[in-house]
Amino acid sequence: IVLGLVGVVADGLGYLLFIGIAVLIVALILSAVRFRRGGRSVN
């Protein structure tokens, strides 16, 4: 969120917006993997 806001507000720092989007995607994937593995029990 911080990188996205800085990328939108600051002039010429649009690449920070794309880095922020990439970090958000990584966070969502990491969250999905943890949520999917969390329900299983180990036999």
ModelCIF file with pLDDT and N, C-alpha, C, O atoms, coordinates in Angstrom:
data_MODEL
#
_entry.id   MODEL 
#
_entity.id                         1 
_entity.type                       polymer 
_entity.pdbx_number_of_molecules   1 
#
_entity_poly.entity_id                      1 
_entity_poly.type                           'polypeptide(L)' 
_entity_poly.nstd_linkage                   no 
_entity_poly.nstd_monomer                   no 
_entity_poly.pdbx_seq_one_letter_code       IVLGLVGVVADGLGYLLFIGIAVLIVALILSAVRFRRGGRSVN 
_entity_poly.pdbx_seq_one_letter_code_can   IVLGLVGVVADGLGYLLFIGIAVLIVALILSAVRFRRGGRSVN 
_entity_poly.pdbx_strand_id                 A 
#
loop_
_entity_poly_seq.entity_id 
_entity_poly_seq.num 
_entity_poly_seq.mon_id 
_entity_poly_seq.hetero 
1 1  ILE n 
1 2  VAL n 
1 3  LEU n 
1 4  GLY n 
1 5  LEU n 
1 6  VAL n 
1 7  GLY n 
1 8  VAL n 
1 9  VAL n 
1 10 ALA n 
1 11 ASP n 
1 12 GLY n 
1 13 LEU n 
1 14 GLY n 
1 15 TYR n 
1 16 LEU n 
1 17 LEU n 
1 18 PHE n 
1 19 ILE n 
1 20 GLY n 
1 21 ILE n 
1 22 ALA n 
1 23 VAL n 
1 24 LEU n 
1 25 ILE n 
1 26 VAL n 
1 27 ALA n 
1 28 LEU n 
1 29 ILE n 
1 30 LEU n 
1 31 SER n 
1 32 ALA n 
1 33 VAL n 
1 34 ARG n 
1 35 PHE n 
1 36 ARG n 
1 37 ARG n 
1 38 GLY n 
1 39 GLY n 
1 40 ARG n 
1 41 SER n 
1 42 VAL n 
1 43 ASN n 
#
_struct_asym.id          A 
_struct_asym.entity_id   1 
#
loop_
_ma_qa_metric.id 
_ma_qa_metric.mode 
_ma_qa_metric.name 
_ma_qa_metric.software_group_id 
_ma_qa_metric.type 
1 global pLDDT . pLDDT 
2 local  pLDDT . pLDDT 
#
_ma_qa_metric_global.metric_id      1 
_ma_qa_metric_global.metric_value   85.93 
_ma_qa_metric_global.model_id       1 
_ma_qa_metric_global.ordinal_id     1 
#
loop_
_ma_qa_metric_local.label_asym_id 
_ma_qa_metric_local.label_comp_id 
_ma_qa_metric_local.label_seq_id 
_ma_qa_metric_local.metric_id 
_ma_qa_metric_local.metric_value 
_ma_qa_metric_local.model_id 
_ma_qa_metric_local.ordinal_id 
A ILE 1  2 92.00 1 1  
A VAL 2  2 93.00 1 2  
A LEU 3  2 91.00 1 3  
A GLY 4  2 90.00 1 4  
A LEU 5  2 91.00 1 5  
A VAL 6  2 91.00 1 6  
A GLY 7  2 89.00 1 7  
A VAL 8  2 89.00 1 8  
A VAL 9  2 91.00 1 9  
A ALA 10 2 88.00 1 10 
A ASP 11 2 83.00 1 11 
A GLY 12 2 84.00 1 12 
A LEU 13 2 89.00 1 13 
A GLY 14 2 87.00 1 14 
A TYR 15 2 90.00 1 15 
A LEU 16 2 90.00 1 16 
A LEU 17 2 89.00 1 17 
A PHE 18 2 91.00 1 18 
A ILE 19 2 91.00 1 19 
A GLY 20 2 91.00 1 20 
A ILE 21 2 91.00 1 21 
A ALA 22 2 93.00 1 22 
A VAL 23 2 93.00 1 23 
A LEU 24 2 92.00 1 24 
A ILE 25 2 94.00 1 25 
A VAL 26 2 93.00 1 26 
A ALA 27 2 92.00 1 27 
A LEU 28 2 92.00 1 28 
A ILE 29 2 94.00 1 29 
A LEU 30 2 91.00 1 30 
A SER 31 2 91.00 1 31 
A ALA 32 2 91.00 1 32 
A VAL 33 2 90.00 1 33 
A ARG 34 2 86.00 1 34 
A PHE 35 2 84.00 1 35 
A ARG 36 2 84.00 1 36 
A ARG 37 2 77.00 1 37 
A GLY 38 2 69.00 1 38 
A GLY 39 2 61.00 1 39 
A ARG 40 2 60.00 1 40 
A SER 41 2 60.00 1 41 
A VAL 42 2 60.00 1 42 
A ASN 43 2 67.00 1 43 
#
loop_
_atom_site.group_PDB 
_atom_site.id 
_atom_site.type_symbol 
_atom_site.label_atom_id 
_atom_site.label_alt_id 
_atom_site.label_comp_id 
_atom_site.label_asym_id 
_atom_site.label_entity_id 
_atom_site.label_seq_id 
_atom_site.pdbx_PDB_ins_code 
_atom_site.Cartn_x 
_atom_site.Cartn_y 
_atom_site.Cartn_z 
_atom_site.occupancy 
_atom_site.B_iso_or_equiv 
_atom_site.pdbx_formal_charge 
_atom_site.auth_seq_id 
_atom_site.auth_comp_id 
_atom_site.auth_asym_id 
_atom_site.auth_atom_id 
_atom_site.pdbx_PDB_model_num 
ATOM 1   N N  . ILE A 1 1  ? 0.835  -1.208  0.000   1.00 92.00 ? 1  ILE A N  1 
ATOM 2   C CA . ILE A 1 1  ? 0.000  0.000   0.000   1.00 92.00 ? 1  ILE A CA 1 
ATOM 3   C C  . ILE A 1 1  ? 0.865  1.251   0.000   1.00 92.00 ? 1  ILE A C  1 
ATOM 4   O O  . ILE A 1 1  ? 0.598  2.196   -0.742  1.00 92.00 ? 1  ILE A O  1 
ATOM 5   N N  . VAL A 1 2  ? 1.895  1.258   0.826   1.00 93.00 ? 2  VAL A N  1 
ATOM 6   C CA . VAL A 1 2  ? 2.786  2.430   0.893   1.00 93.00 ? 2  VAL A CA 1 
ATOM 7   C C  . VAL A 1 2  ? 3.505  2.642   -0.435  1.00 93.00 ? 2  VAL A C  1 
ATOM 8   O O  . VAL A 1 2  ? 3.572  3.767   -0.931  1.00 93.00 ? 2  VAL A O  1 
ATOM 9   N N  . LEU A 1 3  ? 4.041  1.574   -1.010  1.00 91.00 ? 3  LEU A N  1 
ATOM 10  C CA . LEU A 1 3  ? 4.722  1.705   -2.298  1.00 91.00 ? 3  LEU A CA 1 
ATOM 11  C C  . LEU A 1 3  ? 3.765  2.157   -3.393  1.00 91.00 ? 3  LEU A C  1 
ATOM 12  O O  . LEU A 1 3  ? 4.133  2.961   -4.249  1.00 91.00 ? 3  LEU A O  1 
ATOM 13  N N  . GLY A 1 4  ? 2.544  1.645   -3.368  1.00 90.00 ? 4  GLY A N  1 
ATOM 14  C CA . GLY A 1 4  ? 1.562  2.060   -4.359  1.00 90.00 ? 4  GLY A CA 1 
ATOM 15  C C  . GLY A 1 4  ? 1.202  3.523   -4.234  1.00 90.00 ? 4  GLY A C  1 
ATOM 16  O O  . GLY A 1 4  ? 1.089  4.226   -5.239  1.00 90.00 ? 4  GLY A O  1 
ATOM 17  N N  . LEU A 1 5  ? 1.019  3.991   -3.005  1.00 91.00 ? 5  LEU A N  1 
ATOM 18  C CA . LEU A 1 5  ? 0.694  5.407   -2.800  1.00 91.00 ? 5  LEU A CA 1 
ATOM 19  C C  . LEU A 1 5  ? 1.837  6.313   -3.221  1.00 91.00 ? 5  LEU A C  1 
ATOM 20  O O  . LEU A 1 5  ? 1.616  7.342   -3.859  1.00 91.00 ? 5  LEU A O  1 
ATOM 21  N N  . VAL A 1 6  ? 3.050  5.935   -2.868  1.00 91.00 ? 6  VAL A N  1 
ATOM 22  C CA . VAL A 1 6  ? 4.204  6.748   -3.269  1.00 91.00 ? 6  VAL A CA 1 
ATOM 23  C C  . VAL A 1 6  ? 4.353  6.738   -4.787  1.00 91.00 ? 6  VAL A C  1 
ATOM 24  O O  . VAL A 1 6  ? 4.687  7.757   -5.392  1.00 91.00 ? 6  VAL A O  1 
ATOM 25  N N  . GLY A 1 7  ? 4.105  5.585   -5.396  1.00 89.00 ? 7  GLY A N  1 
ATOM 26  C CA . GLY A 1 7  ? 4.208  5.491   -6.850  1.00 89.00 ? 7  GLY A CA 1 
ATOM 27  C C  . GLY A 1 7  ? 3.180  6.337   -7.575  1.00 89.00 ? 7  GLY A C  1 
ATOM 28  O O  . GLY A 1 7  ? 3.458  6.866   -8.651  1.00 89.00 ? 7  GLY A O  1 
ATOM 29  N N  . VAL A 1 8  ? 1.986  6.469   -6.993  1.00 89.00 ? 8  VAL A N  1 
ATOM 30  C CA . VAL A 1 8  ? 0.938  7.271   -7.628  1.00 89.00 ? 8  VAL A CA 1 
ATOM 31  C C  . VAL A 1 8  ? 1.163  8.761   -7.392  1.00 89.00 ? 8  VAL A C  1 
ATOM 32  O O  . VAL A 1 8  ? 0.981  9.571   -8.301  1.00 89.00 ? 8  VAL A O  1 
ATOM 33  N N  . VAL A 1 9  ? 1.561  9.125   -6.166  1.00 91.00 ? 9  VAL A N  1 
ATOM 34  C CA . VAL A 1 9  ? 1.662  10.538  -5.804  1.00 91.00 ? 9  VAL A CA 1 
ATOM 35  C C  . VAL A 1 9  ? 2.934  11.179  -6.361  1.00 91.00 ? 9  VAL A C  1 
ATOM 36  O O  . VAL A 1 9  ? 2.883  12.277  -6.915  1.00 91.00 ? 9  VAL A O  1 
ATOM 37  N N  . ALA A 1 10 ? 4.062  10.503  -6.219  1.00 88.00 ? 10 ALA A N  1 
ATOM 38  C CA . ALA A 1 10 ? 5.335  11.104  -6.635  1.00 88.00 ? 10 ALA A CA 1 
ATOM 39  C C  . ALA A 1 10 ? 5.452  11.089  -8.155  1.00 88.00 ? 10 ALA A C  1 
ATOM 40  O O  . ALA A 1 10 ? 5.102  10.110  -8.815  1.00 88.00 ? 10 ALA A O  1 
ATOM 41  N N  . ASP A 1 11 ? 5.943  12.174  -8.681  1.00 83.00 ? 11 ASP A N  1 
ATOM 42  C CA . ASP A 1 11 ? 6.082  12.296  -10.128 1.00 83.00 ? 11 ASP A CA 1 
ATOM 43  C C  . ASP A 1 11 ? 7.344  11.568  -10.591 1.00 83.00 ? 11 ASP A C  1 
ATOM 44  O O  . ASP A 1 11 ? 8.436  11.846  -10.095 1.00 83.00 ? 11 ASP A O  1 
ATOM 45  N N  . GLY A 1 12 ? 7.205  10.654  -11.523 1.00 84.00 ? 12 GLY A N  1 
ATOM 46  C CA . GLY A 1 12 ? 8.350  9.936   -12.066 1.00 84.00 ? 12 GLY A CA 1 
ATOM 47  C C  . GLY A 1 12 ? 8.712  8.673   -11.315 1.00 84.00 ? 12 GLY A C  1 
ATOM 48  O O  . GLY A 1 12 ? 9.713  8.034   -11.638 1.00 84.00 ? 12 GLY A O  1 
ATOM 49  N N  . LEU A 1 13 ? 7.923  8.293   -10.315 1.00 89.00 ? 13 LEU A N  1 
ATOM 50  C CA . LEU A 1 13 ? 8.201  7.074   -9.562  1.00 89.00 ? 13 LEU A CA 1 
ATOM 51  C C  . LEU A 1 13 ? 7.111  6.029   -9.783  1.00 89.00 ? 13 LEU A C  1 
ATOM 52  O O  . LEU A 1 13 ? 6.697  5.338   -8.852  1.00 89.00 ? 13 LEU A O  1 
ATOM 53  N N  . GLY A 1 14 ? 6.659  5.927   -11.020 1.00 87.00 ? 14 GLY A N  1 
ATOM 54  C CA . GLY A 1 14 ? 5.606  4.977   -11.348 1.00 87.00 ? 14 GLY A CA 1 
ATOM 55  C C  . GLY A 1 14 ? 6.028  3.534   -11.172 1.00 87.00 ? 14 GLY A C  1 
ATOM 56  O O  . GLY A 1 14 ? 5.188  2.654   -10.987 1.00 87.00 ? 14 GLY A O  1 
ATOM 57  N N  . TYR A 1 15 ? 7.342  3.286   -11.230 1.00 90.00 ? 15 TYR A N  1 
ATOM 58  C CA . TYR A 1 15 ? 7.819  1.920   -11.055 1.00 90.00 ? 15 TYR A CA 1 
ATOM 59  C C  . TYR A 1 15 ? 7.535  1.417   -9.636  1.00 90.00 ? 15 TYR A C  1 
ATOM 60  O O  . TYR A 1 15 ? 7.420  0.209   -9.426  1.00 90.00 ? 15 TYR A O  1 
ATOM 61  N N  . LEU A 1 16 ? 7.422  2.322   -8.666  1.00 90.00 ? 16 LEU A N  1 
ATOM 62  C CA . LEU A 1 16 ? 7.080  1.902   -7.307  1.00 90.00 ? 16 LEU A CA 1 
ATOM 63  C C  . LEU A 1 16 ? 5.665  1.348   -7.237  1.00 90.00 ? 16 LEU A C  1 
ATOM 64  O O  . LEU A 1 16 ? 5.379  0.462   -6.431  1.00 90.00 ? 16 LEU A O  1 
ATOM 65  N N  . LEU A 1 17 ? 4.779  1.870   -8.080  1.00 89.00 ? 17 LEU A N  1 
ATOM 66  C CA . LEU A 1 17 ? 3.426  1.340   -8.140  1.00 89.00 ? 17 LEU A CA 1 
ATOM 67  C C  . LEU A 1 17 ? 3.449  -0.117  -8.588  1.00 89.00 ? 17 LEU A C  1 
ATOM 68  O O  . LEU A 1 17 ? 2.748  -0.953  -8.017  1.00 89.00 ? 17 LEU A O  1 
ATOM 69  N N  . PHE A 1 18 ? 4.244  -0.424  -9.595  1.00 91.00 ? 18 PHE A N  1 
ATOM 70  C CA . PHE A 1 18 ? 4.320  -1.796  -10.090 1.00 91.00 ? 18 PHE A CA 1 
ATOM 71  C C  . PHE A 1 18 ? 5.004  -2.721  -9.085  1.00 91.00 ? 18 PHE A C  1 
ATOM 72  O O  . PHE A 1 18 ? 4.640  -3.891  -8.970  1.00 91.00 ? 18 PHE A O  1 
ATOM 73  N N  . ILE A 1 19 ? 5.980  -2.207  -8.365  1.00 91.00 ? 19 ILE A N  1 
ATOM 74  C CA . ILE A 1 19 ? 6.610  -3.002  -7.304  1.00 91.00 ? 19 ILE A CA 1 
ATOM 75  C C  . ILE A 1 19 ? 5.602  -3.261  -6.191  1.00 91.00 ? 19 ILE A C  1 
ATOM 76  O O  . ILE A 1 19 ? 5.557  -4.363  -5.643  1.00 91.00 ? 19 ILE A O  1 
ATOM 77  N N  . GLY A 1 20 ? 4.797  -2.264  -5.851  1.00 91.00 ? 20 GLY A N  1 
ATOM 78  C CA . GLY A 1 20 ? 3.758  -2.442  -4.845  1.00 91.00 ? 20 GLY A CA 1 
ATOM 79  C C  . GLY A 1 20 ? 2.731  -3.476  -5.256  1.00 91.00 ? 20 GLY A C  1 
ATOM 80  O O  . GLY A 1 20 ? 2.287  -4.276  -4.432  1.00 91.00 ? 20 GLY A O  1 
ATOM 81  N N  . ILE A 1 21 ? 2.349  -3.468  -6.529  1.00 91.00 ? 21 ILE A N  1 
ATOM 82  C CA . ILE A 1 21 ? 1.404  -4.474  -7.034  1.00 91.00 ? 21 ILE A CA 1 
ATOM 83  C C  . ILE A 1 21 ? 2.017  -5.857  -6.958  1.00 91.00 ? 21 ILE A C  1 
ATOM 84  O O  . ILE A 1 21 ? 1.338  -6.815  -6.589  1.00 91.00 ? 21 ILE A O  1 
ATOM 85  N N  . ALA A 1 22 ? 3.302  -5.978  -7.305  1.00 93.00 ? 22 ALA A N  1 
ATOM 86  C CA . ALA A 1 22 ? 3.974  -7.276  -7.237  1.00 93.00 ? 22 ALA A CA 1 
ATOM 87  C C  . ALA A 1 22 ? 4.052  -7.780  -5.793  1.00 93.00 ? 22 ALA A C  1 
ATOM 88  O O  . ALA A 1 22 ? 3.847  -8.968  -5.540  1.00 93.00 ? 22 ALA A O  1 
ATOM 89  N N  . VAL A 1 23 ? 4.344  -6.896  -4.859  1.00 93.00 ? 23 VAL A N  1 
ATOM 90  C CA . VAL A 1 23 ? 4.409  -7.283  -3.448  1.00 93.00 ? 23 VAL A CA 1 
ATOM 91  C C  . VAL A 1 23 ? 3.031  -7.720  -2.954  1.00 93.00 ? 23 VAL A C  1 
ATOM 92  O O  . VAL A 1 23 ? 2.923  -8.678  -2.188  1.00 93.00 ? 23 VAL A O  1 
ATOM 93  N N  . LEU A 1 24 ? 1.990  -7.033  -3.380  1.00 92.00 ? 24 LEU A N  1 
ATOM 94  C CA . LEU A 1 24 ? 0.630  -7.410  -2.999  1.00 92.00 ? 24 LEU A CA 1 
ATOM 95  C C  . LEU A 1 24 ? 0.270  -8.789  -3.541  1.00 92.00 ? 24 LEU A C  1 
ATOM 96  O O  . LEU A 1 24 ? -0.353 -9.585  -2.839  1.00 92.00 ? 24 LEU A O  1 
ATOM 97  N N  . ILE A 1 25 ? 0.653  -9.078  -4.771  1.00 94.00 ? 25 ILE A N  1 
ATOM 98  C CA . ILE A 1 25 ? 0.385  -10.396 -5.353  1.00 94.00 ? 25 ILE A CA 1 
ATOM 99  C C  . ILE A 1 25 ? 1.123  -11.481 -4.584  1.00 94.00 ? 25 ILE A C  1 
ATOM 100 O O  . ILE A 1 25 ? 0.562  -12.545 -4.322  1.00 94.00 ? 25 ILE A O  1 
ATOM 101 N N  . VAL A 1 26 ? 2.371  -11.225 -4.221  1.00 93.00 ? 26 VAL A N  1 
ATOM 102 C CA . VAL A 1 26 ? 3.139  -12.192 -3.430  1.00 93.00 ? 26 VAL A CA 1 
ATOM 103 C C  . VAL A 1 26 ? 2.473  -12.420 -2.078  1.00 93.00 ? 26 VAL A C  1 
ATOM 104 O O  . VAL A 1 26 ? 2.399  -13.555 -1.607  1.00 93.00 ? 26 VAL A O  1 
ATOM 105 N N  . ALA A 1 27 ? 1.990  -11.357 -1.454  1.00 92.00 ? 27 ALA A N  1 
ATOM 106 C CA . ALA A 1 27 ? 1.318  -11.487 -0.154  1.00 92.00 ? 27 ALA A CA 1 
ATOM 107 C C  . ALA A 1 27 ? 0.044  -12.312 -0.277  1.00 92.00 ? 27 ALA A C  1 
ATOM 108 O O  . ALA A 1 27 ? -0.248 -13.136 0.589   1.00 92.00 ? 27 ALA A O  1 
ATOM 109 N N  . LEU A 1 28 ? -0.712 -12.097 -1.343  1.00 92.00 ? 28 LEU A N  1 
ATOM 110 C CA . LEU A 1 28 ? -1.942 -12.865 -1.543  1.00 92.00 ? 28 LEU A CA 1 
ATOM 111 C C  . LEU A 1 28 ? -1.648 -14.339 -1.808  1.00 92.00 ? 28 LEU A C  1 
ATOM 112 O O  . LEU A 1 28 ? -2.356 -15.210 -1.303  1.00 92.00 ? 28 LEU A O  1 
ATOM 113 N N  . ILE A 1 29 ? -0.620 -14.624 -2.588  1.00 94.00 ? 29 ILE A N  1 
ATOM 114 C CA . ILE A 1 29 ? -0.249 -16.011 -2.844  1.00 94.00 ? 29 ILE A CA 1 
ATOM 115 C C  . ILE A 1 29 ? 0.226  -16.682 -1.560  1.00 94.00 ? 29 ILE A C  1 
ATOM 116 O O  . ILE A 1 29 ? -0.149 -17.818 -1.273  1.00 94.00 ? 29 ILE A O  1 
ATOM 117 N N  . LEU A 1 30 ? 1.045  -15.982 -0.796  1.00 91.00 ? 30 LEU A N  1 
ATOM 118 C CA . LEU A 1 30 ? 1.527  -16.534 0.472   1.00 91.00 ? 30 LEU A CA 1 
ATOM 119 C C  . LEU A 1 30 ? 0.374  -16.797 1.432   1.00 91.00 ? 30 LEU A C  1 
ATOM 120 O O  . LEU A 1 30 ? 0.355  -17.818 2.120   1.00 91.00 ? 30 LEU A O  1 
ATOM 121 N N  . SER A 1 31 ? -0.572 -15.893 1.479   1.00 91.00 ? 31 SER A N  1 
ATOM 122 C CA . SER A 1 31 ? -1.738 -16.074 2.335   1.00 91.00 ? 31 SER A CA 1 
ATOM 123 C C  . SER A 1 31 ? -2.583 -17.259 1.880   1.00 91.00 ? 31 SER A C  1 
ATOM 124 O O  . SER A 1 31 ? -3.073 -18.024 2.711   1.00 91.00 ? 31 SER A O  1 
ATOM 125 N N  . ALA A 1 32 ? -2.756 -17.416 0.589   1.00 91.00 ? 32 ALA A N  1 
ATOM 126 C CA . ALA A 1 32 ? -3.544 -18.533 0.068   1.00 91.00 ? 32 ALA A CA 1 
ATOM 127 C C  . ALA A 1 32 ? -2.871 -19.872 0.355   1.00 91.00 ? 32 ALA A C  1 
ATOM 128 O O  . ALA A 1 32 ? -3.547 -20.846 0.687   1.00 91.00 ? 32 ALA A O  1 
ATOM 129 N N  . VAL A 1 33 ? -1.556 -19.928 0.229   1.00 90.00 ? 33 VAL A N  1 
ATOM 130 C CA . VAL A 1 33 ? -0.831 -21.168 0.505   1.00 90.00 ? 33 VAL A CA 1 
ATOM 131 C C  . VAL A 1 33 ? -0.942 -21.523 1.983   1.00 90.00 ? 33 VAL A C  1 
ATOM 132 O O  . VAL A 1 33 ? -1.167 -22.685 2.321   1.00 90.00 ? 33 VAL A O  1 
ATOM 133 N N  . ARG A 1 34 ? -0.790 -20.553 2.856   1.00 86.00 ? 34 ARG A N  1 
ATOM 134 C CA . ARG A 1 34 ? -0.905 -20.821 4.295   1.00 86.00 ? 34 ARG A CA 1 
ATOM 135 C C  . ARG A 1 34 ? -2.321 -21.230 4.672   1.00 86.00 ? 34 ARG A C  1 
ATOM 136 O O  . ARG A 1 34 ? -2.508 -22.105 5.517   1.00 86.00 ? 34 ARG A O  1 
ATOM 137 N N  . PHE A 1 35 ? -3.326 -20.603 4.051   1.00 84.00 ? 35 PHE A N  1 
ATOM 138 C CA . PHE A 1 35 ? -4.705 -20.935 4.356   1.00 84.00 ? 35 PHE A CA 1 
ATOM 139 C C  . PHE A 1 35 ? -5.043 -22.343 3.870   1.00 84.00 ? 35 PHE A C  1 
ATOM 140 O O  . PHE A 1 35 ? -5.757 -23.083 4.546   1.00 84.00 ? 35 PHE A O  1 
ATOM 141 N N  . ARG A 1 36 ? -4.531 -22.708 2.704   1.00 84.00 ? 36 ARG A N  1 
ATOM 142 C CA . ARG A 1 36 ? -4.817 -24.022 2.145   1.00 84.00 ? 36 ARG A CA 1 
ATOM 143 C C  . ARG A 1 36 ? -4.156 -25.131 2.963   1.00 84.00 ? 36 ARG A C  1 
ATOM 144 O O  . ARG A 1 36 ? -4.763 -26.178 3.187   1.00 84.00 ? 36 ARG A O  1 
ATOM 145 N N  . ARG A 1 37 ? -2.925 -24.914 3.409   1.00 77.00 ? 37 ARG A N  1 
ATOM 146 C CA . ARG A 1 37 ? -2.222 -25.929 4.194   1.00 77.00 ? 37 ARG A CA 1 
ATOM 147 C C  . ARG A 1 37 ? -2.691 -25.985 5.635   1.00 77.00 ? 37 ARG A C  1 
ATOM 148 O O  . ARG A 1 37 ? -2.522 -27.013 6.290   1.00 77.00 ? 37 ARG A O  1 
ATOM 149 N N  . GLY A 1 38 ? -3.270 -24.923 6.144   1.00 69.00 ? 38 GLY A N  1 
ATOM 150 C CA . GLY A 1 38 ? -3.632 -24.841 7.546   1.00 69.00 ? 38 GLY A CA 1 
ATOM 151 C C  . GLY A 1 38 ? -4.722 -25.803 7.978   1.00 69.00 ? 38 GLY A C  1 
ATOM 152 O O  . GLY A 1 38 ? -4.764 -26.191 9.146   1.00 69.00 ? 38 GLY A O  1 
ATOM 153 N N  . GLY A 1 39 ? -5.606 -26.199 7.070   1.00 61.00 ? 39 GLY A N  1 
ATOM 154 C CA . GLY A 1 39 ? -6.725 -27.052 7.443   1.00 61.00 ? 39 GLY A CA 1 
ATOM 155 C C  . GLY A 1 39 ? -6.408 -28.530 7.529   1.00 61.00 ? 39 GLY A C  1 
ATOM 156 O O  . GLY A 1 39 ? -7.189 -29.296 8.093   1.00 61.00 ? 39 GLY A O  1 
ATOM 157 N N  . ARG A 1 40 ? -5.301 -28.939 6.992   1.00 60.00 ? 40 ARG A N  1 
ATOM 158 C CA . ARG A 1 40 ? -4.951 -30.365 6.966   1.00 60.00 ? 40 ARG A CA 1 
ATOM 159 C C  . ARG A 1 40 ? -4.267 -30.780 8.256   1.00 60.00 ? 40 ARG A C  1 
ATOM 160 O O  . ARG A 1 40 ? -3.509 -30.015 8.851   1.00 60.00 ? 40 ARG A O  1 
ATOM 161 N N  . SER A 1 41 ? -4.543 -31.989 8.670   1.00 60.00 ? 41 SER A N  1 
ATOM 162 C CA . SER A 1 41 ? -3.858 -32.523 9.845   1.00 60.00 ? 41 SER A CA 1 
ATOM 163 C C  . SER A 1 41 ? -2.849 -33.579 9.393   1.00 60.00 ? 41 SER A C  1 
ATOM 164 O O  . SER A 1 41 ? -3.054 -34.266 8.392   1.00 60.00 ? 41 SER A O  1 
ATOM 165 N N  . VAL A 1 42 ? -1.786 -33.690 10.130  1.00 60.00 ? 42 VAL A N  1 
ATOM 166 C CA . VAL A 1 42 ? -0.727 -34.633 9.793   1.00 60.00 ? 42 VAL A CA 1 
ATOM 167 C C  . VAL A 1 42 ? -1.018 -35.966 10.481  1.00 60.00 ? 42 VAL A C  1 
ATOM 168 O O  . VAL A 1 42 ? -1.212 -36.011 11.696  1.00 60.00 ? 42 VAL A O  1 
ATOM 169 N N  . ASN A 1 43 ? -1.049 -37.047 9.707   1.00 67.00 ? 43 ASN A N  1 
ATOM 170 C CA . ASN A 1 43 ? -1.262 -38.365 10.276  1.00 67.00 ? 43 ASN A CA 1 
ATOM 171 C C  . ASN A 1 43 ? 0.069  -38.991 10.667  1.00 67.00 ? 43 ASN A C  1 
ATOM 172 O O  . ASN A 1 43 ? 0.098  -40.114 11.170  1.00 67.00 ? 43 ASN A O  1 
#
